[in-house]
Every structure is written in C-alpha cells, then in structure tokens.
Amino acid sequence: MTMHNILLVEDDDEIARLTCMYLEAEGYQVSTIQDGDQAIDAIRRRNPDLIILDLMLPGLSGAEICQQARNFHQKPILVLTACDDDANEIGLLKLGADDYLAKPLRPHVLTARIEALLRRSSQTHSAQEVDTVTYQREIDAFMYNGKRLELTDAEYDLLKLLYDHRGKAVSRETCCQGLRGIHYDLSDRSIDMRISGLRRKLGDDSKPYRMIRTVRNKGYLLNG
C-alpha cells in the first residue's frame, strides 16, 4: 500500500498535533507548516499528495495560498474553515479548493474526505498518463496518444506556444501575438475559438478540462 504524503498547514499547535497524530495512526505521512508565508515554498519542495489548509493563518491566508498553489500544483486541497455556509463553500471552490471541512474536525469524517479526494486524484492522474501530447521535430507535427494531429496553421501555432510553455499559464495577449494574422483585441474571441478547436481534437472539450486548462486571470495552460 502506498503511503500518501500530506502537508498540513495549520497554525493552531493543538489542532495540528492532534490531526497529525490521528492521520499518522491511519497510515499517512504528515508534515506540518504553521506560517502561511512558508506554505508555497513547502508545496513546491514536497509536492504533497494532498494539502490540508487552514484559512486563518499568519502571513499569507489560506485563500491566498490556495489561489497561488493552483498555478503549479494540481493535487487535492482540502480547506479547513470555521464558517460553514453555502456562500463560503462556493468561494472556496472558486479559489481552487477541492473540498472543505468545518471546524471542529471529526476525525472519521476527515479521513473519509481524504480517502475520497486521493481516490479521485489517482483516477485523474491515471487518465492523464494515457492522454499525452508530444511534438516530433523531424516531421514538425504534434502527436496525440501516438497519432498525428491534423491542425490548422493557427491551431498549430497556438499548440506550439502552449507546448513550449507547458505547465505554465500563457496569457491571451501572448497567444494572440503568437498567431499568424491575428491582432490582439480585448473583444477578440479568436483565441477562445481556437482553444475550443484544440480541445475537441484532444478529446478534452467538456469540463473539467484535463489537457488545456483555463487559469483564471492568467490565460491557458497545457498540462505538462
């Protein structure tokens, strides 16, 4: 059985101690961060299988951490909050949280939520391992799961730009500037149309998008 690595971001010493003790008894490997300003670096270094994130932290807040982490970390984030209401839930999900739990924590509910999130994450990553985009320089073409993609010139240019920056968000302005014959205009929907066309050819035209993600206020990102 795989031992999953969990990063707990919680500034309350007693909650952190009890949560860590309980999860380790359940077979999880747990590391703890108490300062929000250290959380982003810890996520980058440790690449945890799941993050448990308190909202109220010194330094960066849990909401800010969640939003920043979503630019590079796609594994589950479970948020802990003292406010249990629908508006709060919607706000948390929009920030990038996968689920949330209201305090005080009930250990059996916590482990059930963790198991569900890890199971869903495992299924998603398995699908991503099957669906791959590669570039073959010798024939100057893109392959999708081993088959050549038939692309228009604009679709090729756009995919090449995203591929060269895979794993990073590329702004709509940069996408527009990289296309032949397309001039950037805030009202211009040509990029969105071509993104939709690429998604269809990649079998990724229904939410949640797996291959080409829309990153809020950032642009588009090709999973790398």
Protein backbone atom coordinates (compact mmCIF):
# COMPACT_ATOMS: atom_id res chain seq x y z
CA MET A 1 0.00 0.00 0.00
CA THR A 2 1.31 3.45 -0.97
CA MET A 3 1.96 5.80 1.95
CA HIS A 4 0.49 9.14 0.92
CA ASN A 5 2.28 12.34 1.84
CA ILE A 6 0.04 15.02 3.37
CA LEU A 7 1.03 18.63 4.05
CA LEU A 8 -0.92 20.16 6.94
CA VAL A 9 -0.92 23.98 7.01
CA GLU A 10 -2.33 24.89 10.44
CA ASP A 11 -1.12 27.47 12.96
CA ASP A 12 -3.02 26.13 15.99
CA ASP A 13 -0.50 23.91 17.80
CA GLU A 14 -3.06 21.64 19.45
CA ILE A 15 -5.17 21.12 16.32
CA ALA A 16 -2.02 20.47 14.29
CA ARG A 17 -0.70 17.98 16.88
CA LEU A 18 -3.95 16.03 17.18
CA THR A 19 -4.60 15.99 13.43
CA CYS A 20 -1.07 14.89 12.68
CA MET A 21 -1.20 12.16 15.34
CA TYR A 22 -4.53 10.83 14.06
CA LEU A 23 -3.52 10.80 10.39
CA GLU A 24 -0.19 9.11 11.11
CA ALA A 25 -2.10 6.42 13.04
CA GLU A 26 -4.17 5.95 9.88
CA GLY A 27 -1.02 5.33 7.84
CA TYR A 28 -0.38 8.76 6.31
CA GLN A 29 2.95 10.57 6.28
CA VAL A 30 2.26 14.09 7.57
CA SER A 31 4.39 17.23 7.60
CA THR A 32 3.23 20.46 9.22
CA ILE A 33 3.65 24.14 8.36
CA GLN A 34 2.35 26.85 10.71
CA ASP A 35 3.17 30.03 8.80
CA GLY A 36 1.34 30.94 5.61
CA ASP A 37 4.43 32.64 4.17
CA GLN A 38 6.27 29.28 4.19
CA ALA A 39 3.47 27.28 2.62
CA ILE A 40 4.06 27.95 -1.09
CA ASP A 41 7.74 27.01 -0.86
CA ALA A 42 6.84 23.87 1.11
CA ILE A 43 4.28 22.83 -1.53
CA ARG A 44 6.85 23.28 -4.30
CA ARG A 45 9.54 21.32 -2.44
CA ARG A 46 7.44 18.48 -1.07
CA ASN A 47 4.82 18.09 -3.82
CA PRO A 48 2.36 16.53 -1.34
CA ASP A 49 -0.33 14.09 -2.44
CA LEU A 50 -2.85 16.20 -0.52
CA ILE A 51 -2.85 19.56 1.26
CA ILE A 52 -4.94 20.28 4.36
CA LEU A 53 -5.13 24.06 4.53
CA ASP A 54 -6.49 26.24 7.32
CA LEU A 55 -7.96 29.56 6.15
CA MET A 56 -6.83 31.71 9.08
CA LEU A 57 -3.03 31.81 9.09
CA PRO A 58 -0.26 34.28 9.92
CA GLY A 59 1.35 35.63 6.75
CA LEU A 60 -0.45 34.51 3.62
CA SER A 61 -4.04 33.49 4.25
CA GLY A 62 -5.33 30.07 3.31
CA ALA A 63 -7.33 31.60 0.44
CA GLU A 64 -4.18 33.27 -0.97
CA ILE A 65 -2.18 30.06 -0.63
CA CYS A 66 -4.88 28.07 -2.38
CA GLN A 67 -5.08 30.53 -5.26
CA GLN A 68 -1.29 30.69 -5.75
CA ALA A 69 -0.76 26.94 -5.39
CA ARG A 70 -3.26 26.24 -8.16
CA ASN A 71 -0.89 27.84 -10.66
CA PHE A 72 1.51 24.90 -10.31
CA HIS A 73 0.02 22.22 -8.03
CA GLN A 74 -2.90 20.10 -9.25
CA LYS A 75 -3.24 17.60 -6.41
CA PRO A 76 -6.15 17.83 -3.92
CA ILE A 77 -6.53 20.73 -1.50
CA LEU A 78 -8.84 20.27 1.50
CA VAL A 79 -9.63 23.55 3.25
CA LEU A 80 -10.46 23.86 6.95
CA THR A 81 -12.84 26.67 7.88
CA ALA A 82 -14.79 27.87 10.88
CA CYS A 83 -17.56 29.21 8.62
CA ASP A 84 -19.92 26.51 7.35
CA ASP A 85 -22.24 28.07 4.80
CA ASP A 86 -23.04 27.80 1.08
CA ALA A 87 -21.53 31.18 0.13
CA ASN A 88 -18.25 30.25 1.79
CA GLU A 89 -18.21 26.88 0.03
CA ILE A 90 -18.73 28.47 -3.39
CA GLY A 91 -15.95 30.96 -2.72
CA LEU A 92 -13.52 28.25 -1.66
CA LEU A 93 -14.22 26.09 -4.69
CA LYS A 94 -13.72 29.07 -7.00
CA LEU A 95 -10.31 29.66 -5.41
CA GLY A 96 -9.29 26.12 -6.33
CA ALA A 97 -10.12 24.04 -3.24
CA ASP A 98 -11.35 20.51 -3.95
CA ASP A 99 -13.33 20.18 -0.73
CA TYR A 100 -13.73 21.80 2.66
CA LEU A 101 -14.47 20.84 6.24
CA ALA A 102 -15.88 22.99 9.03
CA LYS A 103 -14.20 23.04 12.41
CA PRO A 104 -14.25 21.40 14.89
CA LEU A 105 -12.96 18.43 12.93
CA ARG A 106 -14.45 14.99 13.27
CA PRO A 107 -11.61 12.51 12.65
CA HIS A 108 -13.67 9.85 10.85
CA VAL A 109 -15.16 12.47 8.50
CA LEU A 110 -11.69 13.91 7.85
CA THR A 111 -10.26 10.54 6.83
CA ALA A 112 -13.31 9.75 4.66
CA ARG A 113 -12.88 13.04 2.78
CA ILE A 114 -9.12 12.45 2.38
CA GLU A 115 -9.68 8.94 1.01
CA ALA A 116 -12.26 10.21 -1.49
CA LEU A 117 -10.01 13.04 -2.70
CA LEU A 118 -6.97 10.77 -3.07
CA ARG A 119 -9.03 8.18 -4.93
CA ARG A 120 -10.36 10.81 -7.34
CA SER A 121 -6.88 12.26 -7.81
CA SER A 122 -5.44 8.83 -8.58
CA GLN A 123 -8.09 8.22 -11.24
CA THR A 124 -7.44 11.63 -12.82
CA HIS A 125 -3.67 11.14 -12.94
CA SER A 126 -4.12 7.69 -14.49
CA ALA A 127 -6.18 9.25 -17.26
CA GLN A 128 -3.57 11.97 -17.78
CA GLU A 129 -0.84 9.35 -18.16
CA VAL A 130 -2.76 7.83 -21.07
CA ASP A 131 -3.57 11.13 -22.80
CA THR A 132 -0.32 12.73 -23.95
CA VAL A 133 0.65 15.40 -26.48
CA THR A 134 4.15 15.21 -27.97
CA TYR A 135 5.99 17.18 -30.65
CA GLN A 136 8.00 15.33 -33.32
CA ARG A 137 10.61 17.72 -34.62
CA GLU A 138 11.63 15.58 -37.61
CA ILE A 139 8.15 15.86 -39.16
CA ASP A 140 7.23 19.18 -37.50
CA ALA A 141 3.95 17.76 -36.17
CA PHE A 142 2.14 17.13 -32.94
CA MET A 143 1.10 13.64 -31.86
CA TYR A 144 -1.78 12.80 -29.55
CA ASN A 145 -1.55 9.35 -27.97
CA GLY A 146 0.76 8.32 -30.80
CA LYS A 147 -1.42 9.64 -33.65
CA ARG A 148 -0.70 12.74 -35.70
CA LEU A 149 -2.96 15.72 -35.00
CA GLU A 150 -4.41 17.39 -38.08
CA LEU A 151 -4.28 21.08 -37.22
CA THR A 152 -4.89 24.37 -38.98
CA ASP A 153 -1.97 26.82 -39.10
CA ALA A 154 -3.49 28.85 -36.25
CA GLU A 155 -4.15 25.74 -34.14
CA TYR A 156 -0.57 24.55 -34.74
CA ASP A 157 0.89 27.93 -33.72
CA LEU A 158 -1.27 28.06 -30.60
CA LEU A 159 -0.48 24.50 -29.54
CA LYS A 160 3.23 25.05 -30.18
CA LEU A 161 3.15 28.12 -27.92
CA LEU A 162 1.35 26.24 -25.15
CA TYR A 163 3.62 23.21 -25.60
CA ASP A 164 6.78 25.33 -25.30
CA HIS A 165 5.39 26.72 -22.02
CA ARG A 166 3.69 23.52 -20.82
CA GLY A 167 2.93 23.55 -17.13
CA LYS A 168 2.76 27.37 -17.14
CA ALA A 169 -0.14 29.70 -17.89
CA VAL A 170 0.14 31.69 -21.15
CA SER A 171 -1.87 34.92 -21.34
CA ARG A 172 -4.46 35.54 -24.05
CA GLU A 173 -2.40 38.51 -25.21
CA THR A 174 0.68 36.32 -25.69
CA CYS A 175 -1.44 33.73 -27.51
CA CYS A 176 -2.83 36.39 -29.85
CA GLN A 177 0.62 37.79 -30.57
CA GLY A 178 1.86 34.30 -31.41
CA LEU A 179 -0.81 33.63 -34.05
CA ARG A 180 -0.35 34.45 -37.70
CA GLY A 181 -2.56 37.27 -38.92
CA ILE A 182 -4.38 37.76 -35.61
CA HIS A 183 -4.18 41.18 -33.96
CA TYR A 184 -4.80 41.38 -30.24
CA ASP A 185 -8.08 42.96 -29.18
CA LEU A 186 -9.76 42.59 -25.79
CA SER A 187 -13.03 41.86 -27.60
CA ASP A 188 -11.43 39.36 -29.97
CA ARG A 189 -12.70 35.82 -29.29
CA SER A 190 -10.45 34.18 -31.90
CA ILE A 191 -8.20 32.66 -29.23
CA ASP A 192 -11.14 31.15 -27.37
CA MET A 193 -12.43 29.65 -30.64
CA ARG A 194 -9.07 28.09 -31.42
CA ILE A 195 -8.69 26.79 -27.88
CA SER A 196 -12.12 25.16 -28.26
CA GLY A 197 -11.00 23.63 -31.56
CA LEU A 198 -7.83 22.22 -29.98
CA ARG A 199 -9.80 20.80 -27.08
CA ARG A 200 -12.15 19.00 -29.45
CA LYS A 201 -9.23 17.43 -31.32
CA LEU A 202 -7.71 16.37 -27.99
CA GLY A 203 -10.99 14.88 -26.77
CA ASP A 204 -10.98 17.46 -23.99
CA ASP A 205 -14.00 19.60 -24.80
CA SER A 206 -16.01 19.15 -21.59
CA LYS A 207 -15.30 20.43 -18.09
CA PRO A 208 -13.22 19.82 -16.08
CA TYR A 209 -10.60 20.22 -18.80
CA ARG A 210 -7.65 17.85 -18.44
CA MET A 211 -5.24 18.84 -21.21
CA ILE A 212 -5.71 22.57 -21.78
CA ARG A 213 -6.85 24.34 -18.62
CA THR A 214 -8.20 27.87 -18.30
CA VAL A 215 -6.36 29.60 -15.44
CA ARG A 216 -8.43 32.45 -14.08
CA ASN A 217 -6.89 35.89 -14.78
CA LYS A 218 -3.80 34.14 -16.19
CA GLY A 219 -4.67 32.55 -19.54
CA TYR A 220 -4.35 28.99 -20.78
CA LEU A 221 -2.14 26.15 -19.55
CA LEU A 222 -1.17 22.90 -21.26
CA ASN A 223 -0.66 20.24 -18.60
CA GLY A 224 2.94 19.15 -18.77
